[in-house]
PDB file of all heavy atoms in Angstrom:
ATOM      1  N   ARG A   1      27.746  84.267  34.311  1.00  0.00           N
ATOM      2  CA  ARG A   1      28.232  83.177  33.435  1.00  0.00           C
ATOM      3  C   ARG A   1      27.587  81.893  34.063  1.00  0.00           C
ATOM      4  O   ARG A   1      26.939  81.155  33.201  1.00  0.00           O
ATOM      5  CB  ARG A   1      29.735  83.020  33.574  1.00  0.00           C
ATOM      6  CG  ARG A   1      30.271  81.883  32.655  1.00  0.00           C
ATOM      7  CD  ARG A   1      31.726  81.740  32.867  1.00  0.00           C
ATOM      8  NE  ARG A   1      32.272  80.764  31.991  1.00  0.00           N
ATOM      9  CZ  ARG A   1      33.506  80.434  31.955  1.00  0.00           C
ATOM     10  NH1 ARG A   1      34.522  81.202  32.514  1.00  0.00           N
ATOM     11  NH2 ARG A   1      34.090  79.408  31.199  1.00  0.00           N
ATOM     12  N   TRP A   2      27.658  81.625  35.266  1.00  0.00           N
ATOM     13  CA  TRP A   2      27.102  80.491  35.873  1.00  0.00           C
ATOM     14  C   TRP A   2      25.553  80.305  35.743  1.00  0.00           C
ATOM     15  O   TRP A   2      25.139  79.383  35.238  1.00  0.00           O
ATOM     16  CB  TRP A   2      27.419  80.397  37.396  1.00  0.00           C
ATOM     17  CG  TRP A   2      26.795  79.376  38.292  1.00  0.00           C
ATOM     18  CD1 TRP A   2      27.027  77.979  38.124  1.00  0.00           C
ATOM     19  CD2 TRP A   2      25.770  79.526  39.207  1.00  0.00           C
ATOM     20  NE1 TRP A   2      26.145  77.412  38.992  1.00  0.00           N
ATOM     21  CE2 TRP A   2      25.402  78.217  39.795  1.00  0.00           C
ATOM     22  CE3 TRP A   2      25.180  80.634  39.742  1.00  0.00           C
ATOM     23  CZ2 TRP A   2      24.613  78.096  40.679  1.00  0.00           C
ATOM     24  CZ3 TRP A   2      24.232  80.499  40.799  1.00  0.00           C
ATOM     25  CH2 TRP A   2      23.987  79.220  41.248  1.00  0.00           C
ATOM     26  N   VAL A   3      24.853  81.558  36.002  1.00  0.00           N
ATOM     27  CA  VAL A   3      23.335  81.469  35.810  1.00  0.00           C
ATOM     28  C   VAL A   3      22.982  81.190  34.291  1.00  0.00           C
ATOM     29  O   VAL A   3      22.052  80.411  34.029  1.00  0.00           O
ATOM     30  CB  VAL A   3      22.811  82.802  36.248  1.00  0.00           C
ATOM     31  CG1 VAL A   3      21.377  83.020  35.689  1.00  0.00           C
ATOM     32  CG2 VAL A   3      22.916  82.957  37.742  1.00  0.00           C
ATOM     33  N   ILE A   4      23.695  81.763  33.230  1.00  0.00           N
ATOM     34  CA  ILE A   4      23.440  81.623  32.011  1.00  0.00           C
ATOM     35  C   ILE A   4      23.823  80.321  31.426  1.00  0.00           C
ATOM     36  O   ILE A   4      23.119  79.665  30.721  1.00  0.00           O
ATOM     37  CB  ILE A   4      23.942  82.820  31.132  1.00  0.00           C
ATOM     38  CG1 ILE A   4      23.271  84.144  31.552  1.00  0.00           C
ATOM     39  CG2 ILE A   4      23.770  82.473  29.642  1.00  0.00           C
ATOM     40  CD1 ILE A   4      23.956  85.425  30.948  1.00  0.00           C
ATOM     41  N   GLU A   5      24.978  79.916  31.743  1.00  0.00           N
ATOM     42  CA  GLU A   5      25.553  78.648  31.257  1.00  0.00           C
ATOM     43  C   GLU A   5      24.867  77.415  31.804  1.00  0.00           C
ATOM     44  O   GLU A   5      24.722  76.349  31.192  1.00  0.00           O
ATOM     45  CB  GLU A   5      27.099  78.442  31.382  1.00  0.00           C
ATOM     46  CG  GLU A   5      27.854  79.462  30.501  1.00  0.00           C
ATOM     47  CD  GLU A   5      29.268  79.144  30.562  1.00  0.00           C
ATOM     48  OE1 GLU A   5      29.820  78.337  31.485  1.00  0.00           O
ATOM     49  OE2 GLU A   5      30.093  79.849  29.744  1.00  0.00           O
ATOM     50  N   GLN A   6      24.312  77.594  32.967  1.00  0.00           N
ATOM     51  CA  GLN A   6      23.498  76.487  33.616  1.00  0.00           C
ATOM     52  C   GLN A   6      21.962  76.593  33.096  1.00  0.00           C
ATOM     53  O   GLN A   6      21.199  75.758  33.450  1.00  0.00           O
ATOM     54  CB  GLN A   6      23.466  76.560  35.178  1.00  0.00           C
ATOM     55  CG  GLN A   6      24.812  76.382  35.851  1.00  0.00           C
ATOM     56  CD  GLN A   6      25.347  74.981  35.551  1.00  0.00           C
ATOM     57  OE1 GLN A   6      24.733  73.949  35.776  1.00  0.00           O
ATOM     58  NE2 GLN A   6      26.584  74.838  34.999  1.00  0.00           N
ATOM     59  N   ASP A   7      21.806  77.438  32.163  1.00  0.00           N
ATOM     60  CA  ASP A   7      20.652  77.660  31.426  1.00  0.00           C
ATOM     61  C   ASP A   7      19.399  77.800  32.468  1.00  0.00           C
ATOM     62  O   ASP A   7      18.305  77.279  32.289  1.00  0.00           O
ATOM     63  CB  ASP A   7      20.199  76.345  30.612  1.00  0.00           C
ATOM     64  CG  ASP A   7      19.198  76.774  29.487  1.00  0.00           C
ATOM     65  OD1 ASP A   7      19.058  77.952  29.229  1.00  0.00           O
ATOM     66  OD2 ASP A   7      18.604  75.708  28.919  1.00  0.00           O
ATOM     67  N   MET A   8      19.601  78.784  33.382  1.00  0.00           N
ATOM     68  CA  MET A   8      18.590  79.131  34.519  1.00  0.00           C
ATOM     69  C   MET A   8      17.924  80.348  34.074  1.00  0.00           C
ATOM     70  O   MET A   8      16.736  80.644  34.630  1.00  0.00           O
ATOM     71  CB  MET A   8      19.165  79.175  35.755  1.00  0.00           C
ATOM     72  CG  MET A   8      19.634  77.773  36.318  1.00  0.00           C
ATOM     73  SD  MET A   8      20.168  77.752  38.177  1.00  0.00           S
ATOM     74  CE  MET A   8      21.837  78.503  37.854  1.00  0.00           C
ATOM     75  N   LEU A   9      18.497  81.341  33.385  1.00  0.00           N
ATOM     76  CA  LEU A   9      17.962  82.596  33.130  1.00  0.00           C
ATOM     77  C   LEU A   9      16.782  82.573  32.069  1.00  0.00           C
ATOM     78  O   LEU A   9      17.167  82.225  30.942  1.00  0.00           O
ATOM     79  CB  LEU A   9      18.990  83.638  32.787  1.00  0.00           C
ATOM     80  CG  LEU A   9      18.510  85.062  32.669  1.00  0.00           C
ATOM     81  CD1 LEU A   9      17.877  85.652  33.880  1.00  0.00           C
ATOM     82  CD2 LEU A   9      19.748  85.960  32.238  1.00  0.00           C
ATOM     83  N   GLU A  10      15.585  82.778  32.455  1.00  0.00           N
ATOM     84  CA  GLU A  10      14.567  82.718  31.443  1.00  0.00           C
ATOM     85  C   GLU A  10      14.340  84.101  30.894  1.00  0.00           C
ATOM     86  O   GLU A  10      14.229  84.181  29.672  1.00  0.00           O
ATOM     87  CB  GLU A  10      13.132  82.337  32.143  1.00  0.00           C
ATOM     88  CG  GLU A  10      13.008  80.827  32.219  1.00  0.00           C
ATOM     89  CD  GLU A  10      11.552  80.490  32.504  1.00  0.00           C
ATOM     90  OE1 GLU A  10      10.677  81.415  32.565  1.00  0.00           O
ATOM     91  OE2 GLU A  10      11.214  79.349  32.592  1.00  0.00           O
ATOM     92  N   ALA A  11      14.210  85.136  31.829  1.00  0.00           N
ATOM     93  CA  ALA A  11      13.904  86.520  31.171  1.00  0.00           C
ATOM     94  C   ALA A  11      14.393  87.557  32.086  1.00  0.00           C
ATOM     95  O   ALA A  11      14.520  87.409  33.327  1.00  0.00           O
ATOM     96  CB  ALA A  11      12.328  86.592  30.889  1.00  0.00           C
ATOM     97  N   ILE A  12      14.540  88.762  31.497  1.00  0.00           N
ATOM     98  CA  ILE A  12      14.814  89.840  32.312  1.00  0.00           C
ATOM     99  C   ILE A  12      13.850  90.914  31.797  1.00  0.00           C
ATOM    100  O   ILE A  12      13.789  91.203  30.627  1.00  0.00           O
ATOM    101  CB  ILE A  12      16.242  90.475  32.044  1.00  0.00           C
ATOM    102  CG1 ILE A  12      17.277  89.478  32.812  1.00  0.00           C
ATOM    103  CG2 ILE A  12      16.491  91.766  32.901  1.00  0.00           C
ATOM    104  CD1 ILE A  12      18.650  89.833  32.597  1.00  0.00           C
ATOM    105  N   ILE A  13      13.093  91.694  32.654  1.00  0.00           N
ATOM    106  CA  ILE A  13      12.236  92.671  32.284  1.00  0.00           C
ATOM    107  C   ILE A  13      12.676  94.054  32.901  1.00  0.00           C
ATOM    108  O   ILE A  13      12.850  94.193  34.041  1.00  0.00           O
ATOM    109  CB  ILE A  13      10.759  92.407  33.015  1.00  0.00           C
ATOM    110  CG1 ILE A  13      10.246  90.954  32.506  1.00  0.00           C
ATOM    111  CG2 ILE A  13       9.806  93.459  32.583  1.00  0.00           C
ATOM    112  CD1 ILE A  13       9.169  90.490  33.269  1.00  0.00           C
ATOM    113  N   ALA A  14      12.893  95.047  32.004  1.00  0.00           N
ATOM    114  CA  ALA A  14      13.174  96.290  32.365  1.00  0.00           C
ATOM    115  C   ALA A  14      11.982  97.148  32.768  1.00  0.00           C
ATOM    116  O   ALA A  14      11.051  97.205  31.999  1.00  0.00           O
ATOM    117  CB  ALA A  14      13.884  97.040  31.240  1.00  0.00           C
ATOM    118  N   LEU A  15      11.967  97.761  33.983  1.00  0.00           N
ATOM    119  CA  LEU A  15      10.847  98.413  34.513  1.00  0.00           C
ATOM    120  C   LEU A  15      10.986  99.886  34.332  1.00  0.00           C
ATOM    121  O   LEU A  15      12.073 100.429  34.084  1.00  0.00           O
ATOM    122  CB  LEU A  15      10.735  98.117  35.944  1.00  0.00           C
ATOM    123  CG  LEU A  15      10.681  96.776  36.363  1.00  0.00           C
ATOM    124  CD1 LEU A  15      10.643  96.471  37.932  1.00  0.00           C
ATOM    125  CD2 LEU A  15       9.312  96.076  35.788  1.00  0.00           C
ATOM    126  N   PRO A  16      10.035 100.586  34.427  1.00  0.00           N
ATOM    127  CA  PRO A  16      10.085 102.038  34.345  1.00  0.00           C
ATOM    128  C   PRO A  16      10.845 102.663  35.470  1.00  0.00           C
ATOM    129  O   PRO A  16      10.872 102.202  36.515  1.00  0.00           O
ATOM    130  CB  PRO A  16       8.620 102.608  34.407  1.00  0.00           C
ATOM    131  CG  PRO A  16       7.761 101.359  34.035  1.00  0.00           C
ATOM    132  CD  PRO A  16       8.445 100.274  34.647  1.00  0.00           C
ATOM    133  N   ASN A  17      11.428 103.841  35.146  1.00  0.00           N
ATOM    134  CA  ASN A  17      12.058 104.557  36.289  1.00  0.00           C
ATOM    135  C   ASN A  17      11.121 105.151  37.314  1.00  0.00           C
ATOM    136  O   ASN A  17       9.922 105.248  36.882  1.00  0.00           O
ATOM    137  CB  ASN A  17      12.986 105.718  35.857  1.00  0.00           C
ATOM    138  CG  ASN A  17      14.221 105.097  35.044  1.00  0.00           C
ATOM    139  OD1 ASN A  17      14.470 104.060  35.067  1.00  0.00           O
ATOM    140  ND2 ASN A  17      14.935 106.077  34.333  1.00  0.00           N
ATOM    141  N   ASP A  18      11.514 105.673  38.438  1.00  0.00           N
ATOM    142  CA  ASP A  18      10.718 106.305  39.395  1.00  0.00           C
ATOM    143  C   ASP A  18       9.492 105.332  39.910  1.00  0.00           C
ATOM    144  O   ASP A  18       8.330 105.855  40.117  1.00  0.00           O
ATOM    145  CB  ASP A  18      10.085 107.631  38.807  1.00  0.00           C
ATOM    146  CG  ASP A  18      11.197 108.541  38.287  1.00  0.00           C
ATOM    147  OD1 ASP A  18      12.057 108.657  39.075  1.00  0.00           O
ATOM    148  OD2 ASP A  18      10.972 109.237  37.416  1.00  0.00           O
ATOM    149  N   LEU A  19       9.764 104.190  39.956  1.00  0.00           N
ATOM    150  CA  LEU A  19       8.605 103.177  40.306  1.00  0.00           C
ATOM    151  C   LEU A  19       8.708 102.932  41.763  1.00  0.00           C
ATOM    152  O   LEU A  19       7.738 102.369  42.354  1.00  0.00           O
ATOM    153  CB  LEU A  19       8.856 101.967  39.514  1.00  0.00           C
ATOM    154  CG  LEU A  19       7.724 100.894  39.424  1.00  0.00           C
ATOM    155  CD1 LEU A  19       6.431 101.494  38.861  1.00  0.00           C
ATOM    156  CD2 LEU A  19       8.121  99.661  38.632  1.00  0.00           C
ATOM    157  N   PHE A  20       9.934 103.097  42.445  1.00  0.00           N
ATOM    158  CA  PHE A  20      10.144 102.735  43.820  1.00  0.00           C
ATOM    159  C   PHE A  20      10.090 103.727  44.802  1.00  0.00           C
ATOM    160  O   PHE A  20      10.364 105.011  44.263  1.00  0.00           O
ATOM    161  CB  PHE A  20      11.400 101.785  43.945  1.00  0.00           C
ATOM    162  CG  PHE A  20      11.425 100.510  43.412  1.00  0.00           C
ATOM    163  CD1 PHE A  20      11.413 100.318  42.014  1.00  0.00           C
ATOM    164  CD2 PHE A  20      11.200  99.403  44.240  1.00  0.00           C
ATOM    165  CE1 PHE A  20      11.459  99.056  41.456  1.00  0.00           C
ATOM    166  CE2 PHE A  20      11.101  98.055  43.747  1.00  0.00           C
ATOM    167  CZ  PHE A  20      11.170  97.914  42.417  1.00  0.00           C
ATOM    168  N   PHE A  21       9.823 103.737  45.941  1.00  0.00           N
ATOM    169  CA  PHE A  21       9.604 104.697  46.986  1.00  0.00           C
ATOM    170  C   PHE A  21      11.022 105.496  47.321  1.00  0.00           C
ATOM    171  O   PHE A  21      11.000 106.605  47.514  1.00  0.00           O
ATOM    172  CB  PHE A  21       9.116 104.124  48.292  1.00  0.00           C
ATOM    173  CG  PHE A  21       7.731 103.556  48.133  1.00  0.00           C
ATOM    174  CD1 PHE A  21       7.431 102.184  48.045  1.00  0.00           C
ATOM    175  CD2 PHE A  21       6.685 104.386  48.145  1.00  0.00           C
ATOM    176  CE1 PHE A  21       6.208 101.689  47.916  1.00  0.00           C
ATOM    177  CE2 PHE A  21       5.386 103.858  48.011  1.00  0.00           C
ATOM    178  CZ  PHE A  21       5.175 102.620  47.949  1.00  0.00           C
ATOM    179  N   ASN A  22      12.148 104.628  47.300  1.00  0.00           N
ATOM    180  CA  ASN A  22      13.354 105.196  47.796  1.00  0.00           C
ATOM    181  C   ASN A  22      14.305 105.500  46.654  1.00  0.00           C
ATOM    182  O   ASN A  22      15.548 105.760  47.031  1.00  0.00           O
ATOM    183  CB  ASN A  22      14.004 104.291  48.941  1.00  0.00           C
ATOM    184  CG  ASN A  22      14.305 102.968  48.530  1.00  0.00           C
ATOM    185  OD1 ASN A  22      13.877 102.663  47.341  1.00  0.00           O
ATOM    186  ND2 ASN A  22      14.984 102.353  49.363  1.00  0.00           N
ATOM    187  N   THR A  23      14.016 105.208  45.385  1.00  0.00           N
ATOM    188  CA  THR A  23      15.036 105.389  44.333  1.00  0.00           C
ATOM    189  C   THR A  23      14.346 105.609  43.083  1.00  0.00           C
ATOM    190  O   THR A  23      13.254 104.994  42.762  1.00  0.00           O
ATOM    191  CB  THR A  23      15.938 104.259  44.290  1.00  0.00           C
ATOM    192  OG1 THR A  23      16.924 104.486  43.103  1.00  0.00           O
ATOM    193  CG2 THR A  23      15.209 102.905  43.949  1.00  0.00           C
ATOM    194  N   GLY A  24      14.867 106.392  42.140  1.00  0.00           N
ATOM    195  CA  GLY A  24      14.296 106.558  40.804  1.00  0.00           C
ATOM    196  C   GLY A  24      15.108 105.942  39.691  1.00  0.00           C
ATOM    197  O   GLY A  24      14.933 106.056  38.629  1.00  0.00           O
ATOM    198  N   ILE A  25      16.159 105.091  40.065  1.00  0.00           N
ATOM    199  CA  ILE A  25      16.982 104.438  39.065  1.00  0.00           C
ATOM    200  C   ILE A  25      16.306 103.276  38.350  1.00  0.00           C
ATOM    201  O   ILE A  25      15.281 102.864  38.687  1.00  0.00           O
ATOM    202  CB  ILE A  25      18.281 103.875  39.855  1.00  0.00           C
ATOM    203  CG1 ILE A  25      17.963 102.731  40.886  1.00  0.00           C
ATOM    204  CG2 ILE A  25      19.033 105.102  40.466  1.00  0.00           C
ATOM    205  CD1 ILE A  25      19.103 102.022  41.417  1.00  0.00           C
ATOM    206  N   ALA A  26      17.028 102.817  37.310  1.00  0.00           N
ATOM    207  CA  ALA A  26      16.654 101.836  36.515  1.00  0.00           C
ATOM    208  C   ALA A  26      16.523 100.474  37.202  1.00  0.00           C
ATOM    209  O   ALA A  26      17.437 100.166  37.995  1.00  0.00           O
ATOM    210  CB  ALA A  26      17.473 101.634  35.252  1.00  0.00           C
ATOM    211  N   THR A  27      15.490  99.638  37.149  1.00  0.00           N
ATOM    212  CA  THR A  27      15.351  98.459  37.898  1.00  0.00           C
ATOM    213  C   THR A  27      14.996  97.349  37.107  1.00  0.00           C
ATOM    214  O   THR A  27      14.305  97.572  35.827  1.00  0.00           O
ATOM    215  CB  THR A  27      14.337  98.503  39.069  1.00  0.00           C
ATOM    216  OG1 THR A  27      13.120  99.103  38.590  1.00  0.00           O
ATOM    217  CG2 THR A  27      14.882  99.390  40.179  1.00  0.00           C
ATOM    218  N   TYR A  28      15.155  96.195  37.293  1.00  0.00           N
ATOM    219  CA  TYR A  28      14.916  94.966  36.417  1.00  0.00           C
ATOM    220  C   TYR A  28      14.399  93.737  37.162  1.00  0.00           C
ATOM    221  O   TYR A  28      14.853  93.560  38.264  1.00  0.00           O
ATOM    222  CB  TYR A  28      16.193  94.526  35.656  1.00  0.00           C
ATOM    223  CG  TYR A  28      16.780  95.625  34.800  1.00  0.00           C
ATOM    224  CD1 TYR A  28      17.598  96.645  35.490  1.00  0.00           C
ATOM    225  CD2 TYR A  28      16.612  95.824  33.483  1.00  0.00           C
ATOM    226  CE1 TYR A  28      18.235  97.654  34.691  1.00  0.00           C
ATOM    227  CE2 TYR A  28      17.251  96.907  32.681  1.00  0.00           C
ATOM    228  CZ  TYR A  28      17.926  97.736  33.372  1.00  0.00           C
ATOM    229  OH  TYR A  28      18.468  98.782  32.648  1.00  0.00           O
ATOM    230  N   ILE A  29      13.553  92.952  36.601  1.00  0.00           N
ATOM    231  CA  ILE A  29      13.131  91.792  37.116  1.00  0.00           C
ATOM    232  C   ILE A  29      13.698  90.574  36.491  1.00  0.00           C
ATOM    233  O   ILE A  29      13.612  90.527  35.323  1.00  0.00           O
ATOM    234  CB  ILE A  29      11.582  91.655  37.086  1.00  0.00           C
ATOM    235  CG1 ILE A  29      10.741  92.619  38.053  1.00  0.00           C
ATOM    236  CG2 ILE A  29      11.212  90.186  37.563  1.00  0.00           C
ATOM    237  CD1 ILE A  29       9.337  92.612  37.776  1.00  0.00           C
ATOM    238  N   TRP A  30      14.602  89.746  37.176  1.00  0.00           N
ATOM    239  CA  TRP A  30      15.167  88.623  36.681  1.00  0.00           C
ATOM    240  C   TRP A  30      14.231  87.439  36.958  1.00  0.00           C
ATOM    241  O   TRP A  30      13.803  87.144  38.108  1.00  0.00           O
ATOM    242  CB  TRP A  30      16.612  88.262  37.252  1.00  0.00           C
ATOM    243  CG  TRP A  30      17.561  89.345  36.863  1.00  0.00           C
ATOM    244  CD1 TRP A  30      17.445  90.672  36.840  1.00  0.00           C
ATOM    245  CD2 TRP A  30      18.926  89.083  36.651  1.00  0.00           C
ATOM    246  NE1 TRP A  30      18.623  91.305  36.603  1.00  0.00           N
ATOM    247  CE2 TRP A  30      19.517  90.295  36.477  1.00  0.00           C
ATOM    248  CE3 TRP A  30      19.554  87.961  36.473  1.00  0.00           C
ATOM    249  CZ2 TRP A  30      20.932  90.433  36.068  1.00  0.00           C
ATOM    250  CZ3 TRP A  30      21.130  88.040  36.093  1.00  0.00           C
ATOM    251  CH2 TRP A  30      21.791  89.333  35.859  1.00  0.00           C
ATOM    252  N   VAL A  31      13.892  86.519  35.964  1.00  0.00           N
ATOM    253  CA  VAL A  31      13.070  85.349  36.101  1.00  0.00           C
ATOM    254  C   VAL A  31      13.966  84.296  35.863  1.00  0.00           C
ATOM    255  O   VAL A  31      14.409  84.093  34.733  1.00  0.00           O
ATOM    256  CB  VAL A  31      11.873  85.430  35.267  1.00  0.00           C
ATOM    257  CG1 VAL A  31      11.018  84.175  35.495  1.00  0.00           C
ATOM    258  CG2 VAL A  31      11.066  86.634  35.439  1.00  0.00           C
ATOM    259  N   LEU A  32      14.068  83.292  36.889  1.00  0.00           N
ATOM    260  CA  LEU A  32      14.952  82.216  36.589  1.00  0.00           C
ATOM    261  C   LEU A  32      14.178  80.867  36.885  1.00  0.00           C
ATOM    262  O   LEU A  32      13.247  80.897  37.670  1.00  0.00           O
ATOM    263  CB  LEU A  32      16.190  82.120  37.471  1.00  0.00           C
ATOM    264  CG  LEU A  32      17.227  83.217  37.326  1.00  0.00           C
ATOM    265  CD1 LEU A  32      16.882  84.531  37.756  1.00  0.00           C
ATOM    266  CD2 LEU A  32      18.609  82.790  37.833  1.00  0.00           C
ATOM    267  N   SER A  33      14.580  79.756  36.196  1.00  0.00           N
ATOM    268  CA  SER A  33      13.974  78.508  36.410  1.00  0.00           C
ATOM    269  C   SER A  33      15.074  77.436  36.267  1.00  0.00           C
ATOM    270  O   SER A  33      15.990  77.525  35.271  1.00  0.00           O
ATOM    271  CB  SER A  33      12.831  78.243  35.408  1.00  0.00           C
ATOM    272  OG  SER A  33      12.398  77.043  35.491  1.00  0.00           O
ATOM    273  N   ASN A  34      15.009  76.290  36.960  1.00  0.00           N
ATOM    274  CA  ASN A  34      15.920  75.191  36.730  1.00  0.00           C
ATOM    275  C   ASN A  34      15.219  74.066  36.021  1.00  0.00           C
ATOM    276  O   ASN A  34      15.759  72.907  35.955  1.00  0.00           O
ATOM    277  CB  ASN A  34      16.447  74.769  38.071  1.00  0.00           C
ATOM    278  CG  ASN A  34      15.475  74.219  39.054  1.00  0.00           C
ATOM    279  OD1 ASN A  34      14.347  74.137  38.735  1.00  0.00           O
ATOM    280  ND2 ASN A  34      15.901  73.959  40.291  1.00  0.00           N
ATOM    281  N   HIS A  35      14.015  74.266  35.512  1.00  0.00           N
ATOM    282  CA  HIS A  35      13.346  73.337  34.673  1.00  0.00           C
ATOM    283  C   HIS A  35      12.515  73.990  33.602  1.00  0.00           C
ATOM    284  O   HIS A  35      11.326  74.030  33.453  1.00  0.00           O
ATOM    285  CB  HIS A  35      12.484  72.427  35.522  1.00  0.00           C
ATOM    286  CG  HIS A  35      11.331  73.111  36.365  1.00  0.00           C
ATOM    287  ND1 HIS A  35       9.966  72.824  36.100  1.00  0.00           N
ATOM    288  CD2 HIS A  35      11.344  74.290  37.121  1.00  0.00           C
ATOM    289  CE1 HIS A  35       9.310  73.696  36.799  1.00  0.00           C
ATOM    290  NE2 HIS A  35       9.994  74.517  37.429  1.00  0.00           N
ATOM    291  N   LYS A  36      13.360  74.765  32.694  1.00  0.00           N
ATOM    292  CA  LYS A  36      12.725  75.531  31.664  1.00  0.00           C
ATOM    293  C   LYS A  36      11.853  74.680  30.681  1.00  0.00           C
ATOM    294  O   LYS A  36      12.182  73.467  30.539  1.00  0.00           O
ATOM    295  CB  LYS A  36      13.919  76.172  30.681  1.00  0.00           C
ATOM    296  CG  LYS A  36      14.464  77.334  31.323  1.00  0.00           C
ATOM    297  CD  LYS A  36      15.523  77.947  30.265  1.00  0.00           C
ATOM    298  CE  LYS A  36      16.197  79.255  30.734  1.00  0.00           C
ATOM    299  NZ  LYS A  36      17.136  79.699  29.723  1.00  0.00           N
ATOM    300  N   ALA A  37      10.913  75.258  30.198  1.00  0.00           N
ATOM    301  CA  ALA A  37      10.129  74.710  29.108  1.00  0.00           C
ATOM    302  C   ALA A  37      10.944  74.394  27.878  1.00  0.00           C
ATOM    303  O   ALA A  37      12.016  75.100  27.600  1.00  0.00           O
ATOM    304  CB  ALA A  37       8.948  75.617  28.679  1.00  0.00           C
ATOM    305  N   GLU A  38      10.610  73.461  27.068  1.00  0.00           N
ATOM    306  CA  GLU A  38      11.442  72.932  25.959  1.00  0.00           C
ATOM    307  C   GLU A  38      11.886  74.125  25.028  1.00  0.00           C
ATOM    308  O   GLU A  38      12.908  74.299  24.713  1.00  0.00           O
ATOM    309  CB  GLU A  38      10.777  71.801  25.245  1.00  0.00           C
ATOM    310  CG  GLU A  38      11.661  71.019  24.379  1.00  0.00           C
ATOM    311  CD  GLU A  38      12.698  70.302  25.206  1.00  0.00           C
ATOM    312  OE1 GLU A  38      12.374  69.787  26.366  1.00  0.00           O
ATOM    313  OE2 GLU A  38      13.741  70.085  24.881  1.00  0.00           O
TER     314      GLU A  38
END
């Protein structure tokens, strides 16, 4: 709630499974900024 209501969350990217050495689970990249483009 805090991250979204403070308008810091720009994007979330869902990655393929089996991408990491020690886990095959679903993973995501969160991209945040405190000075978003207009």
